[in-house]
Amino acid sequence: MPEGHSVHRIARQFDRNIVGHPVAASSPQGRFAEGASLLDGRTPREVRAVGKQMFLAFDDDLWLRVHLGMYGAWDFAGDILVDPTIASANGRMGQTAQRGTDLDRPVFDDAGENSLSSIGAPRRARVHVRMSEQTTGLGDDGHQWPPPIVGQVRLRLITDAVCADLRGPTACAIQTGEEMAATVAKLGPDPLVDDLQDGEERFTSVVRRKRTAIGLLLMDQAVVSGIGNVYRAEMLFRARLNPYTPGRDVAEETVRGLWRDWAQLLAVGVETGQMMTMDGLGPDEYRKAMAHRDDRHWVYHRAGLPCRVCGTEIAVEEAAGRKLYWCPRCQT
């Protein structure tokens, strides 16, 4: 499932390439035809990301709400302007993701997690990023513009230079400003949206009142926004916290530490496009980790392998229908 860092990266992509430009909107799949007709010809005015949801504002108090869910992704094509604040986009990932690591060459993830052309659920990019013409027909690079529709495209937004295709979302809906505000009000704090101190207080207060296991609370978007299965497992390990501990039994300083760790990891994920959760790596180790998911996590997807710290076999169990990875020794 796309986690919070991906949605914030998508929002930055929209802010730089879509906001302020009139769009032609359509629903090639047909499942969002009515909503697309309301957006067609309008100009996006603002974009917001909160946790795993993105909101795109249009005039007349219309908002497009998109929740990618398990399988959703946005595919981009055209003359995409790169956001210089996103490290993977300009090939300077090491300096931002791990301070003091000086890498002079870009690192590309083997699974496309930091792709500029497809952001969301991991998949092969279906469209190309650079095109030389914004007219129907073939550009100088031989690619068709607009790009051909491939697969089940729920919503297509096209400006004079960029095409954004939405596939496989859990939610794609039109809301009024009031409805959008109500949706956001139900979400837990997001470190990139809320004041960090206020968010820490909200998160700590809620967790410390709950009998629910901390491993489930971290995945509850009403408790904290943006954390998915990968970040959940990694944050619990980094805190050396048993995932089955009731929230109210977790020490207050540990709960506050989880919030601060989430703020740090989320910022790194937005900058690099990758869920890098290991610290203290040298340049060679860091480059290897950024290129291969198996080398960038402590416990996630390592069931049966030895813990990187104590050597104990990493366990995997079912928790609310999702796989939970943890070290039974380090996280006692």
C-alpha atoms as a PDB file:
ATOM      1  CA  MET A   1       0.000   0.000   0.000  1.00  0.00           C
ATOM      2  CA  PRO A   2       1.275   3.503  -0.774  1.00  0.00           C
ATOM      3  CA  GLU A   3       2.208   5.156   2.521  1.00  0.00           C
ATOM      4  CA  GLY A   4       2.228   8.801   3.544  1.00  0.00           C
ATOM      5  CA  HIS A   5       5.497   9.773   1.871  1.00  0.00           C
ATOM      6  CA  SER A   6       4.161   8.736  -1.549  1.00  0.00           C
ATOM      7  CA  VAL A   7       1.038  10.864  -1.205  1.00  0.00           C
ATOM      8  CA  HIS A   8       3.061  13.927  -0.220  1.00  0.00           C
ATOM      9  CA  ARG A   9       5.306  13.357  -3.242  1.00  0.00           C
ATOM     10  CA  ILE A  10       2.238  13.134  -5.465  1.00  0.00           C
ATOM     11  CA  ALA A  11       0.948  16.400  -4.023  1.00  0.00           C
ATOM     12  CA  ARG A  12       4.285  18.086  -4.792  1.00  0.00           C
ATOM     13  CA  GLN A  13       4.098  16.730  -8.321  1.00  0.00           C
ATOM     14  CA  PHE A  14       0.620  18.197  -8.733  1.00  0.00           C
ATOM     15  CA  ASP A  15       1.613  21.512  -7.190  1.00  0.00           C
ATOM     16  CA  ARG A  16       4.493  21.928  -9.606  1.00  0.00           C
ATOM     17  CA  ASN A  17       2.869  20.589 -12.761  1.00  0.00           C
ATOM     18  CA  ILE A  18      -0.926  20.738 -12.510  1.00  0.00           C
ATOM     19  CA  VAL A  19      -2.005  23.495 -10.113  1.00  0.00           C
ATOM     20  CA  GLY A  20      -2.699  26.746 -11.934  1.00  0.00           C
ATOM     21  CA  HIS A  21      -3.216  25.094 -15.329  1.00  0.00           C
ATOM     22  CA  PRO A  22      -6.630  24.334 -16.891  1.00  0.00           C
ATOM     23  CA  VAL A  23      -7.211  20.608 -17.208  1.00  0.00           C
ATOM     24  CA  ALA A  24      -9.120  18.397 -19.569  1.00  0.00           C
ATOM     25  CA  ALA A  25     -10.670  15.744 -17.335  1.00  0.00           C
ATOM     26  CA  SER A  26     -12.054  12.391 -18.429  1.00  0.00           C
ATOM     27  CA  SER A  27     -12.739   8.927 -17.064  1.00  0.00           C
ATOM     28  CA  PRO A  28     -11.609   6.437 -19.713  1.00  0.00           C
ATOM     29  CA  GLN A  29     -12.746   3.582 -17.469  1.00  0.00           C
ATOM     30  CA  GLY A  30     -16.148   5.211 -17.093  1.00  0.00           C
ATOM     31  CA  ARG A  31     -16.454   4.771 -13.321  1.00  0.00           C
ATOM     32  CA  PHE A  32     -15.825   8.468 -12.624  1.00  0.00           C
ATOM     33  CA  ALA A  33     -17.481   9.975 -15.684  1.00  0.00           C
ATOM     34  CA  GLU A  34     -19.824  12.286 -13.760  1.00  0.00           C
ATOM     35  CA  GLY A  35     -17.053  13.591 -11.516  1.00  0.00           C
ATOM     36  CA  ALA A  36     -14.691  14.096 -14.445  1.00  0.00           C
ATOM     37  CA  SER A  37     -17.341  16.106 -16.279  1.00  0.00           C
ATOM     38  CA  LEU A  38     -17.538  18.478 -13.291  1.00  0.00           C
ATOM     39  CA  LEU A  39     -13.774  19.031 -13.390  1.00  0.00           C
ATOM     40  CA  ASP A  40     -13.334  19.256 -17.158  1.00  0.00           C
ATOM     41  CA  GLY A  41     -12.078  22.677 -18.198  1.00  0.00           C
ATOM     42  CA  ARG A  42     -11.518  23.879 -14.636  1.00  0.00           C
ATOM     43  CA  THR A  43      -8.228  25.063 -13.146  1.00  0.00           C
ATOM     44  CA  PRO A  44      -6.844  23.394  -9.994  1.00  0.00           C
ATOM     45  CA  ARG A  45      -6.105  26.074  -7.398  1.00  0.00           C
ATOM     46  CA  GLU A  46      -4.499  24.153  -4.541  1.00  0.00           C
ATOM     47  CA  VAL A  47      -3.387  20.671  -3.537  1.00  0.00           C
ATOM     48  CA  ARG A  48      -3.155  19.163  -0.068  1.00  0.00           C
ATOM     49  CA  ALA A  49      -1.867  15.835   1.190  1.00  0.00           C
ATOM     50  CA  VAL A  50      -2.960  14.538   4.581  1.00  0.00           C
ATOM     51  CA  GLY A  51      -1.769  11.080   5.502  1.00  0.00           C
ATOM     52  CA  LYS A  52      -2.746   8.712   2.709  1.00  0.00           C
ATOM     53  CA  GLN A  53      -5.246  11.074   1.070  1.00  0.00           C
ATOM     54  CA  MET A  54      -4.816  13.885  -1.454  1.00  0.00           C
ATOM     55  CA  PHE A  55      -7.199  16.777  -2.029  1.00  0.00           C
ATOM     56  CA  LEU A  56      -7.109  18.906  -5.190  1.00  0.00           C
ATOM     57  CA  ALA A  57      -9.079  22.183  -5.046  1.00  0.00           C
ATOM     58  CA  PHE A  58     -10.917  23.676  -8.020  1.00  0.00           C
ATOM     59  CA  ASP A  59     -12.999  26.811  -8.300  1.00  0.00           C
ATOM     60  CA  ASP A  60     -16.640  26.864  -7.162  1.00  0.00           C
ATOM     61  CA  ASP A  61     -15.645  25.099  -3.923  1.00  0.00           C
ATOM     62  CA  LEU A  62     -15.029  21.735  -5.579  1.00  0.00           C
ATOM     63  CA  TRP A  63     -12.408  19.349  -4.234  1.00  0.00           C
ATOM     64  CA  LEU A  64     -11.161  16.113  -5.771  1.00  0.00           C
ATOM     65  CA  ARG A  65     -10.479  13.588  -3.016  1.00  0.00           C
ATOM     66  CA  VAL A  66      -8.252  10.603  -3.842  1.00  0.00           C
ATOM     67  CA  HIS A  67      -7.320   7.744  -1.531  1.00  0.00           C
ATOM     68  CA  LEU A  68      -4.983   5.338  -3.329  1.00  0.00           C
ATOM     69  CA  GLY A  69      -5.692   2.424  -0.989  1.00  0.00           C
ATOM     70  CA  MET A  70      -3.829  -0.832  -1.580  1.00  0.00           C
ATOM     71  CA  TYR A  71      -3.283  -0.655  -5.320  1.00  0.00           C
ATOM     72  CA  GLY A  72      -3.765   2.920  -6.486  1.00  0.00           C
ATOM     73  CA  ALA A  73      -1.146   4.986  -8.306  1.00  0.00           C
ATOM     74  CA  TRP A  74      -0.795   8.153 -10.357  1.00  0.00           C
ATOM     75  CA  ASP A  75       1.108   7.822 -13.630  1.00  0.00           C
ATOM     76  CA  PHE A  76       2.600  11.003 -15.099  1.00  0.00           C
ATOM     77  CA  ALA A  77       3.744  11.828 -18.622  1.00  0.00           C
ATOM     78  CA  GLY A  78       4.785  14.968 -20.444  1.00  0.00           C
ATOM     79  CA  ASP A  79       7.177  17.821 -19.746  1.00  0.00           C
ATOM     80  CA  ILE A  80       7.327  17.185 -16.027  1.00  0.00           C
ATOM     81  CA  LEU A  81       8.998  19.888 -13.971  1.00  0.00           C
ATOM     82  CA  VAL A  82      11.134  18.332 -11.249  1.00  0.00           C
ATOM     83  CA  ASP A  83      10.661  19.546  -7.685  1.00  0.00           C
ATOM     84  CA  PRO A  84      14.167  20.541  -6.512  1.00  0.00           C
ATOM     85  CA  THR A  85      13.248  19.783  -2.903  1.00  0.00           C
ATOM     86  CA  ILE A  86      12.829  16.091  -3.725  1.00  0.00           C
ATOM     87  CA  ALA A  87      16.276  14.569  -3.650  1.00  0.00           C
ATOM     88  CA  SER A  88      15.764  11.598  -5.949  1.00  0.00           C
ATOM     89  CA  ALA A  89      14.493  13.930  -8.639  1.00  0.00           C
ATOM     90  CA  ASN A  90      17.796  15.754  -8.980  1.00  0.00           C
ATOM     91  CA  GLY A  91      20.084  12.838  -8.198  1.00  0.00           C
ATOM     92  CA  ARG A  92      21.273  14.116  -4.806  1.00  0.00           C
ATOM     93  CA  MET A  93      19.677  11.635  -2.469  1.00  0.00           C
ATOM     94  CA  GLY A  94      22.534  10.933  -0.096  1.00  0.00           C
ATOM     95  CA  GLN A  95      22.967  14.450   1.195  1.00  0.00           C
ATOM     96  CA  THR A  96      19.359  14.695   2.313  1.00  0.00           C
ATOM     97  CA  ALA A  97      18.477  11.202   3.439  1.00  0.00           C
ATOM     98  CA  GLN A  98      21.510  10.528   5.606  1.00  0.00           C
ATOM     99  CA  ARG A  99      23.421  13.547   6.753  1.00  0.00           C
ATOM    100  CA  GLY A 100      27.132  13.347   6.187  1.00  0.00           C
ATOM    101  CA  THR A 101      26.885  10.781   3.400  1.00  0.00           C
ATOM    102  CA  ASP A 102      28.351  12.321   0.254  1.00  0.00           C
ATOM    103  CA  LEU A 103      27.190  10.578  -2.896  1.00  0.00           C
ATOM    104  CA  ASP A 104      28.074  12.065  -6.255  1.00  0.00           C
ATOM    105  CA  ARG A 105      25.950   9.754  -8.391  1.00  0.00           C
ATOM    106  CA  PRO A 106      22.170   9.267  -8.366  1.00  0.00           C
ATOM    107  CA  VAL A 107      20.745   6.065  -6.881  1.00  0.00           C
ATOM    108  CA  PHE A 108      17.788   4.363  -8.516  1.00  0.00           C
ATOM    109  CA  ASP A 109      15.594   1.884  -6.698  1.00  0.00           C
ATOM    110  CA  ASP A 110      15.345  -1.466  -8.462  1.00  0.00           C
ATOM    111  CA  ALA A 111      11.582  -1.625  -7.852  1.00  0.00           C
ATOM    112  CA  GLY A 112      10.786   1.883  -9.025  1.00  0.00           C
ATOM    113  CA  GLU A 113       9.770   3.167  -5.596  1.00  0.00           C
ATOM    114  CA  ASN A 114      11.266   6.586  -6.299  1.00  0.00           C
ATOM    115  CA  SER A 115       9.898   6.833  -9.839  1.00  0.00           C
ATOM    116  CA  LEU A 116       8.909  10.249 -11.116  1.00  0.00           C
ATOM    117  CA  SER A 117       6.549   8.755 -13.680  1.00  0.00           C
ATOM    118  CA  SER A 118       4.485   6.464 -11.435  1.00  0.00           C
ATOM    119  CA  ILE A 119       3.870   7.175  -7.760  1.00  0.00           C
ATOM    120  CA  GLY A 120       1.765   4.917  -5.580  1.00  0.00           C
ATOM    121  CA  ALA A 121       1.525   1.163  -5.454  1.00  0.00           C
ATOM    122  CA  PRO A 122       4.783  -0.367  -6.770  1.00  0.00           C
ATOM    123  CA  ARG A 123       4.493  -1.140 -10.459  1.00  0.00           C
ATOM    124  CA  ARG A 124       6.316  -0.738 -13.711  1.00  0.00           C
ATOM    125  CA  ALA A 125       5.855   2.782 -15.037  1.00  0.00           C
ATOM    126  CA  ARG A 126       3.349   2.655 -17.880  1.00  0.00           C
ATOM    127  CA  VAL A 127       4.210   6.021 -19.348  1.00  0.00           C
ATOM    128  CA  HIS A 128       7.306   7.984 -20.183  1.00  0.00           C
ATOM    129  CA  VAL A 129       8.297  11.210 -18.446  1.00  0.00           C
ATOM    130  CA  ARG A 130       9.889  13.385 -21.107  1.00  0.00           C
ATOM    131  CA  MET A 131       8.069  14.399 -24.274  1.00  0.00           C
ATOM    132  CA  SER A 132       9.107  17.101 -26.668  1.00  0.00           C
ATOM    133  CA  GLU A 133       5.719  18.215 -28.024  1.00  0.00           C
ATOM    134  CA  GLN A 134       2.343  18.811 -26.442  1.00  0.00           C
ATOM    135  CA  THR A 135       0.261  18.198 -29.529  1.00  0.00           C
ATOM    136  CA  THR A 136      -1.639  15.208 -30.819  1.00  0.00           C
ATOM    137  CA  GLY A 137       0.615  12.885 -32.787  1.00  0.00           C
ATOM    138  CA  LEU A 138       4.244  11.915 -32.352  1.00  0.00           C
ATOM    139  CA  GLY A 139       6.813  14.088 -30.628  1.00  0.00           C
ATOM    140  CA  ASP A 140      10.465  14.307 -31.609  1.00  0.00           C
ATOM    141  CA  ASP A 141      11.170  11.331 -29.355  1.00  0.00           C
ATOM    142  CA  GLY A 142       8.651   9.182 -31.221  1.00  0.00           C
ATOM    143  CA  HIS A 143       6.138   9.000 -28.376  1.00  0.00           C
ATOM    144  CA  GLN A 144       2.449   9.694 -28.886  1.00  0.00           C
ATOM    145  CA  TRP A 145       0.842  12.707 -27.228  1.00  0.00           C
ATOM    146  CA  PRO A 146      -1.470  12.509 -25.434  1.00  0.00           C
ATOM    147  CA  PRO A 147      -0.146   9.117 -24.333  1.00  0.00           C
ATOM    148  CA  PRO A 148      -2.370   6.163 -25.200  1.00  0.00           C
ATOM    149  CA  ILE A 149      -4.736   4.952 -22.504  1.00  0.00           C
ATOM    150  CA  VAL A 150      -3.446   1.723 -21.005  1.00  0.00           C
ATOM    151  CA  GLY A 151      -5.473  -0.385 -18.588  1.00  0.00           C
ATOM    152  CA  GLN A 152      -8.202   0.835 -16.274  1.00  0.00           C
ATOM    153  CA  VAL A 153      -7.719   4.598 -15.938  1.00  0.00           C
ATOM    154  CA  ARG A 154     -10.231   5.958 -13.431  1.00  0.00           C
ATOM    155  CA  LEU A 155      -9.365   9.607 -14.063  1.00  0.00           C
ATOM    156  CA  ARG A 156      -7.179  11.378 -16.616  1.00  0.00           C
ATOM    157  CA  LEU A 157      -6.158  15.022 -16.122  1.00  0.00           C
ATOM    158  CA  ILE A 158      -4.323  16.731 -18.979  1.00  0.00           C
ATOM    159  CA  THR A 159      -2.851  20.238 -19.099  1.00  0.00           C
ATOM    160  CA  ASP A 160      -1.115  21.666 -22.151  1.00  0.00           C
ATOM    161  CA  ALA A 161       2.094  19.907 -21.058  1.00  0.00           C
ATOM    162  CA  VAL A 162       1.421  17.131 -18.523  1.00  0.00           C
ATOM    163  CA  CYS A 163      -0.836  14.089 -18.323  1.00  0.00           C
ATOM    164  CA  ALA A 164      -1.780  12.470 -14.985  1.00  0.00           C
ATOM    165  CA  ASP A 165      -3.565   9.101 -15.010  1.00  0.00           C
ATOM    166  CA  LEU A 166      -5.145   7.629 -11.875  1.00  0.00           C
ATOM    167  CA  ARG A 167      -5.475   3.866 -11.625  1.00  0.00           C
ATOM    168  CA  GLY A 168      -6.847   1.565  -8.935  1.00  0.00           C
ATOM    169  CA  PRO A 169      -7.791   4.010  -6.140  1.00  0.00           C
ATOM    170  CA  THR A 170      -9.910   3.020  -3.175  1.00  0.00           C
ATOM    171  CA  ALA A 171     -11.643   6.398  -3.285  1.00  0.00           C
ATOM    172  CA  CYS A 172     -12.018   9.028  -6.009  1.00  0.00           C
ATOM    173  CA  ALA A 173     -14.746  11.530  -5.240  1.00  0.00           C
ATOM    174  CA  ILE A 174     -15.871  15.134  -5.595  1.00  0.00           C
ATOM    175  CA  GLN A 175     -16.389  16.996  -2.313  1.00  0.00           C
ATOM    176  CA  THR A 176     -17.395  20.473  -1.250  1.00  0.00           C
ATOM    177  CA  GLY A 177     -15.015  22.446   0.923  1.00  0.00           C
ATOM    178  CA  GLU A 178     -17.125  21.585   3.965  1.00  0.00           C
ATOM    179  CA  GLU A 179     -17.071  17.878   3.141  1.00  0.00           C
ATOM    180  CA  MET A 180     -13.317  17.988   2.571  1.00  0.00           C
ATOM    181  CA  ALA A 181     -12.781  19.673   5.959  1.00  0.00           C
ATOM    182  CA  ALA A 182     -14.917  17.012   7.632  1.00  0.00           C
ATOM    183  CA  THR A 183     -12.847  14.250   6.026  1.00  0.00           C
ATOM    184  CA  VAL A 184      -9.591  15.806   7.219  1.00  0.00           C
ATOM    185  CA  ALA A 185     -11.002  16.335  10.724  1.00  0.00           C
ATOM    186  CA  LYS A 186     -11.421  12.574  11.091  1.00  0.00           C
ATOM    187  CA  LEU A 187      -7.724  11.946  10.377  1.00  0.00           C
ATOM    188  CA  GLY A 188      -4.958  11.791  12.940  1.00  0.00           C
ATOM    189  CA  PRO A 189      -2.075  14.281  12.876  1.00  0.00           C
ATOM    190  CA  ASP A 190       0.360  14.360   9.966  1.00  0.00           C
ATOM    191  CA  PRO A 191       3.896  15.654  10.744  1.00  0.00           C
ATOM    192  CA  LEU A 192       4.062  17.483   7.410  1.00  0.00           C
ATOM    193  CA  VAL A 193       0.691  19.169   7.882  1.00  0.00           C
ATOM    194  CA  ASP A 194       0.154  19.761  11.585  1.00  0.00           C
ATOM    195  CA  ASP A 195       2.279  21.723  14.018  1.00  0.00           C
ATOM    196  CA  LEU A 196       4.824  19.187  15.258  1.00  0.00           C
ATOM    197  CA  GLN A 197       4.269  19.903  18.948  1.00  0.00           C
ATOM    198  CA  ASP A 198       0.486  19.946  18.636  1.00  0.00           C
ATOM    199  CA  GLY A 199       0.619  16.713  16.649  1.00  0.00           C
ATOM    200  CA  GLU A 200       2.812  15.081  19.267  1.00  0.00           C
ATOM    201  CA  GLU A 201       0.369  16.035  22.020  1.00  0.00           C
ATOM    202  CA  ARG A 202      -2.636  14.722  20.078  1.00  0.00           C
ATOM    203  CA  PHE A 203      -0.929  11.469  19.184  1.00  0.00           C
ATOM    204  CA  THR A 204       0.393  10.884  22.694  1.00  0.00           C
ATOM    205  CA  SER A 205      -2.933  11.670  24.326  1.00  0.00           C
ATOM    206  CA  VAL A 206      -4.863   9.255  22.124  1.00  0.00           C
ATOM    207  CA  VAL A 207      -2.374   6.382  22.335  1.00  0.00           C
ATOM    208  CA  ARG A 208      -2.038   6.636  26.114  1.00  0.00           C
ATOM    209  CA  ARG A 209      -5.801   6.196  26.546  1.00  0.00           C
ATOM    210  CA  LYS A 210      -6.158   3.093  24.376  1.00  0.00           C
ATOM    211  CA  ARG A 211      -6.194  -0.575  25.335  1.00  0.00           C
ATOM    212  CA  THR A 212      -5.562  -1.409  21.682  1.00  0.00           C
ATOM    213  CA  ALA A 213      -2.147  -2.831  20.801  1.00  0.00           C
ATOM    214  CA  ILE A 214       0.362  -0.225  19.682  1.00  0.00           C
ATOM    215  CA  GLY A 215       0.971  -2.221  16.501  1.00  0.00           C
ATOM    216  CA  LEU A 216      -2.651  -1.621  15.518  1.00  0.00           C
ATOM    217  CA  LEU A 217      -2.797   1.984  16.710  1.00  0.00           C
ATOM    218  CA  LEU A 218       0.048   2.998  14.405  1.00  0.00           C
ATOM    219  CA  MET A 219      -1.992   1.749  11.444  1.00  0.00           C
ATOM    220  CA  ASP A 220      -5.172   3.554  12.549  1.00  0.00           C
ATOM    221  CA  GLN A 221      -5.441   6.678  10.387  1.00  0.00           C
ATOM    222  CA  ALA A 222      -7.662   8.300  13.012  1.00  0.00           C
ATOM    223  CA  VAL A 223      -4.758   8.062  15.481  1.00  0.00           C
ATOM    224  CA  VAL A 224      -1.896   9.130  13.213  1.00  0.00           C
ATOM    225  CA  SER A 225      -1.884   9.802   9.480  1.00  0.00           C
ATOM    226  CA  GLY A 226       0.240   8.136   6.840  1.00  0.00           C
ATOM    227  CA  ILE A 227       1.773   5.095   8.539  1.00  0.00           C
ATOM    228  CA  GLY A 228       1.370   1.808   6.670  1.00  0.00           C
ATOM    229  CA  ASN A 229       2.685  -1.707   7.087  1.00  0.00           C
ATOM    230  CA  VAL A 230       6.327  -0.955   6.313  1.00  0.00           C
ATOM    231  CA  TYR A 231       6.718   2.087   8.514  1.00  0.00           C
ATOM    232  CA  ARG A 232       4.726   0.390  11.302  1.00  0.00           C
ATOM    233  CA  ALA A 233       7.080  -2.575  11.499  1.00  0.00           C
ATOM    234  CA  GLU A 234      10.201  -0.462  11.210  1.00  0.00           C
ATOM    235  CA  MET A 235       9.156   2.150  13.770  1.00  0.00           C
ATOM    236  CA  LEU A 236       8.283  -0.503  16.337  1.00  0.00           C
ATOM    237  CA  PHE A 237      11.655  -2.151  15.867  1.00  0.00           C
ATOM    238  CA  ARG A 238      13.522   1.150  16.057  1.00  0.00           C
ATOM    239  CA  ALA A 239      11.741   1.780  19.371  1.00  0.00           C
ATOM    240  CA  ARG A 240      12.433  -1.827  20.487  1.00  0.00           C
ATOM    241  CA  LEU A 241       8.726  -2.037  21.268  1.00  0.00           C
ATOM    242  CA  ASN A 242       6.592  -5.175  21.412  1.00  0.00           C
ATOM    243  CA  PRO A 243       3.794  -4.628  18.850  1.00  0.00           C
ATOM    244  CA  TYR A 244       1.222  -6.239  21.153  1.00  0.00           C
ATOM    245  CA  THR A 245       1.728  -3.798  24.031  1.00  0.00           C
ATOM    246  CA  PRO A 246      -1.509  -1.894  24.762  1.00  0.00           C
ATOM    247  CA  GLY A 247      -1.146   1.774  23.970  1.00  0.00           C
ATOM    248  CA  ARG A 248      -1.904   2.824  27.534  1.00  0.00           C
ATOM    249  CA  ASP A 249       0.963   0.636  28.773  1.00  0.00           C
ATOM    250  CA  VAL A 250       3.587   2.198  26.520  1.00  0.00           C
ATOM    251  CA  ALA A 251       5.731   4.712  28.389  1.00  0.00           C
ATOM    252  CA  GLU A 252       4.881   8.298  27.541  1.00  0.00           C
ATOM    253  CA  GLU A 253       8.419   9.084  26.394  1.00  0.00           C
ATOM    254  CA  THR A 254       8.321   6.054  24.091  1.00  0.00           C
ATOM    255  CA  VAL A 255       5.062   7.240  22.556  1.00  0.00           C
ATOM    256  CA  ARG A 256       6.524  10.706  22.036  1.00  0.00           C
ATOM    257  CA  GLY A 257       9.600   9.078  20.519  1.00  0.00           C
ATOM    258  CA  LEU A 258       7.405   7.224  18.014  1.00  0.00           C
ATOM    259  CA  TRP A 259       5.890  10.506  16.843  1.00  0.00           C
ATOM    260  CA  ARG A 260       9.280  12.152  16.462  1.00  0.00           C
ATOM    261  CA  ASP A 261      10.630   9.127  14.616  1.00  0.00           C
ATOM    262  CA  TRP A 262       7.652   9.217  12.253  1.00  0.00           C
ATOM    263  CA  ALA A 263       8.288  12.891  11.546  1.00  0.00           C
ATOM    264  CA  GLN A 264      11.911  12.099  10.663  1.00  0.00           C
ATOM    265  CA  LEU A 265      11.175   9.019   8.546  1.00  0.00           C
ATOM    266  CA  LEU A 266       8.341  10.730   6.681  1.00  0.00           C
ATOM    267  CA  ALA A 267      10.578  13.656   5.745  1.00  0.00           C
ATOM    268  CA  VAL A 268      13.266  11.268   4.475  1.00  0.00           C
ATOM    269  CA  GLY A 269      10.681   9.293   2.498  1.00  0.00           C
ATOM    270  CA  VAL A 270       9.365  12.425   0.783  1.00  0.00           C
ATOM    271  CA  GLU A 271      12.876  13.579  -0.120  1.00  0.00           C
ATOM    272  CA  THR A 272      14.148  10.262  -1.423  1.00  0.00           C
ATOM    273  CA  GLY A 273      10.976   8.524  -2.577  1.00  0.00           C
ATOM    274  CA  GLN A 274      12.041   5.470  -0.614  1.00  0.00           C
ATOM    275  CA  MET A 275      11.171   4.121   2.814  1.00  0.00           C
ATOM    276  CA  MET A 276      14.698   4.256   4.199  1.00  0.00           C
ATOM    277  CA  THR A 277      14.539   3.221   7.860  1.00  0.00           C
ATOM    278  CA  MET A 278      18.148   2.292   8.681  1.00  0.00           C
ATOM    279  CA  ASP A 279      20.579   4.768  10.221  1.00  0.00           C
ATOM    280  CA  GLY A 280      24.345   4.894  10.570  1.00  0.00           C
ATOM    281  CA  LEU A 281      25.230   3.446   7.167  1.00  0.00           C
ATOM    282  CA  GLY A 282      28.476   4.213   5.378  1.00  0.00           C
ATOM    283  CA  PRO A 283      28.388   5.500   1.769  1.00  0.00           C
ATOM    284  CA  ASP A 284      28.612   2.035   0.176  1.00  0.00           C
ATOM    285  CA  GLU A 285      26.018   0.520   2.499  1.00  0.00           C
ATOM    286  CA  TYR A 286      23.749   3.490   1.993  1.00  0.00           C
ATOM    287  CA  ARG A 287      23.953   3.274  -1.798  1.00  0.00           C
ATOM    288  CA  LYS A 288      23.184  -0.439  -1.646  1.00  0.00           C
ATOM    289  CA  ALA A 289      20.205   0.172   0.640  1.00  0.00           C
ATOM    290  CA  MET A 290      18.797   2.922  -1.556  1.00  0.00           C
ATOM    291  CA  ALA A 291      18.986   0.672  -4.605  1.00  0.00           C
ATOM    292  CA  HIS A 292      17.496  -2.470  -3.031  1.00  0.00           C
ATOM    293  CA  ARG A 293      14.584  -2.675  -0.615  1.00  0.00           C
ATOM    294  CA  ASP A 294      15.961  -5.790   1.050  1.00  0.00           C
ATOM    295  CA  ASP A 295      18.912  -3.750   2.307  1.00  0.00           C
ATOM    296  CA  ARG A 296      17.055  -0.743   3.692  1.00  0.00           C
ATOM    297  CA  HIS A 297      14.811  -2.224   6.400  1.00  0.00           C
ATOM    298  CA  TRP A 298      15.445  -3.719   9.833  1.00  0.00           C
ATOM    299  CA  VAL A 299      12.613  -6.266   9.961  1.00  0.00           C
ATOM    300  CA  TYR A 300      10.060  -5.640   7.215  1.00  0.00           C
ATOM    301  CA  HIS A 301       9.811  -8.515   4.729  1.00  0.00           C
ATOM    302  CA  ARG A 302      12.596 -10.391   6.587  1.00  0.00           C
ATOM    303  CA  ALA A 303      10.539 -13.281   8.016  1.00  0.00           C
ATOM    304  CA  GLY A 304      12.799 -16.218   8.871  1.00  0.00           C
ATOM    305  CA  LEU A 305      15.991 -14.202   8.411  1.00  0.00           C
ATOM    306  CA  PRO A 306      18.270 -13.336  11.352  1.00  0.00           C
ATOM    307  CA  CYS A 307      17.701 -10.046  13.128  1.00  0.00           C
ATOM    308  CA  ARG A 308      20.318  -7.526  12.065  1.00  0.00           C
ATOM    309  CA  VAL A 309      20.967  -6.748  15.748  1.00  0.00           C
ATOM    310  CA  CYS A 310      20.652  -9.963  17.783  1.00  0.00           C
ATOM    311  CA  GLY A 311      20.474 -12.762  15.211  1.00  0.00           C
ATOM    312  CA  THR A 312      17.055 -14.033  16.330  1.00  0.00           C
ATOM    313  CA  GLU A 313      14.775 -15.209  13.517  1.00  0.00           C
ATOM    314  CA  ILE A 314      12.400 -12.441  12.454  1.00  0.00           C
ATOM    315  CA  ALA A 315       8.784 -13.435  13.049  1.00  0.00           C
ATOM    316  CA  VAL A 316       5.797 -12.689  10.826  1.00  0.00           C
ATOM    317  CA  GLU A 317       2.236 -12.843  12.127  1.00  0.00           C
ATOM    318  CA  GLU A 318      -1.200 -11.662  11.089  1.00  0.00           C
ATOM    319  CA  ALA A 319      -2.475  -8.503  12.763  1.00  0.00           C
ATOM    320  CA  ALA A 320      -5.830  -7.168  11.602  1.00  0.00           C
ATOM    321  CA  GLY A 321      -5.379  -8.845   8.239  1.00  0.00           C
ATOM    322  CA  ARG A 322      -1.897  -7.414   7.588  1.00  0.00           C
ATOM    323  CA  LYS A 323       1.508  -9.046   7.995  1.00  0.00           C
ATOM    324  CA  LEU A 324       3.401  -7.915  11.072  1.00  0.00           C
ATOM    325  CA  TYR A 325       7.188  -8.360  11.099  1.00  0.00           C
ATOM    326  CA  TRP A 326       9.102  -8.111  14.361  1.00  0.00           C
ATOM    327  CA  CYS A 327      12.010  -9.475  16.386  1.00  0.00           C
ATOM    328  CA  PRO A 328      10.788 -11.505  19.404  1.00  0.00           C
ATOM    329  CA  ARG A 329      14.022 -10.817  21.268  1.00  0.00           C
ATOM    330  CA  CYS A 330      14.802  -7.159  20.555  1.00  0.00           C
ATOM    331  CA  GLN A 331      11.144  -6.192  20.918  1.00  0.00           C
ATOM    332  CA  THR A 332      10.296  -7.888  24.199  1.00  0.00           C
END
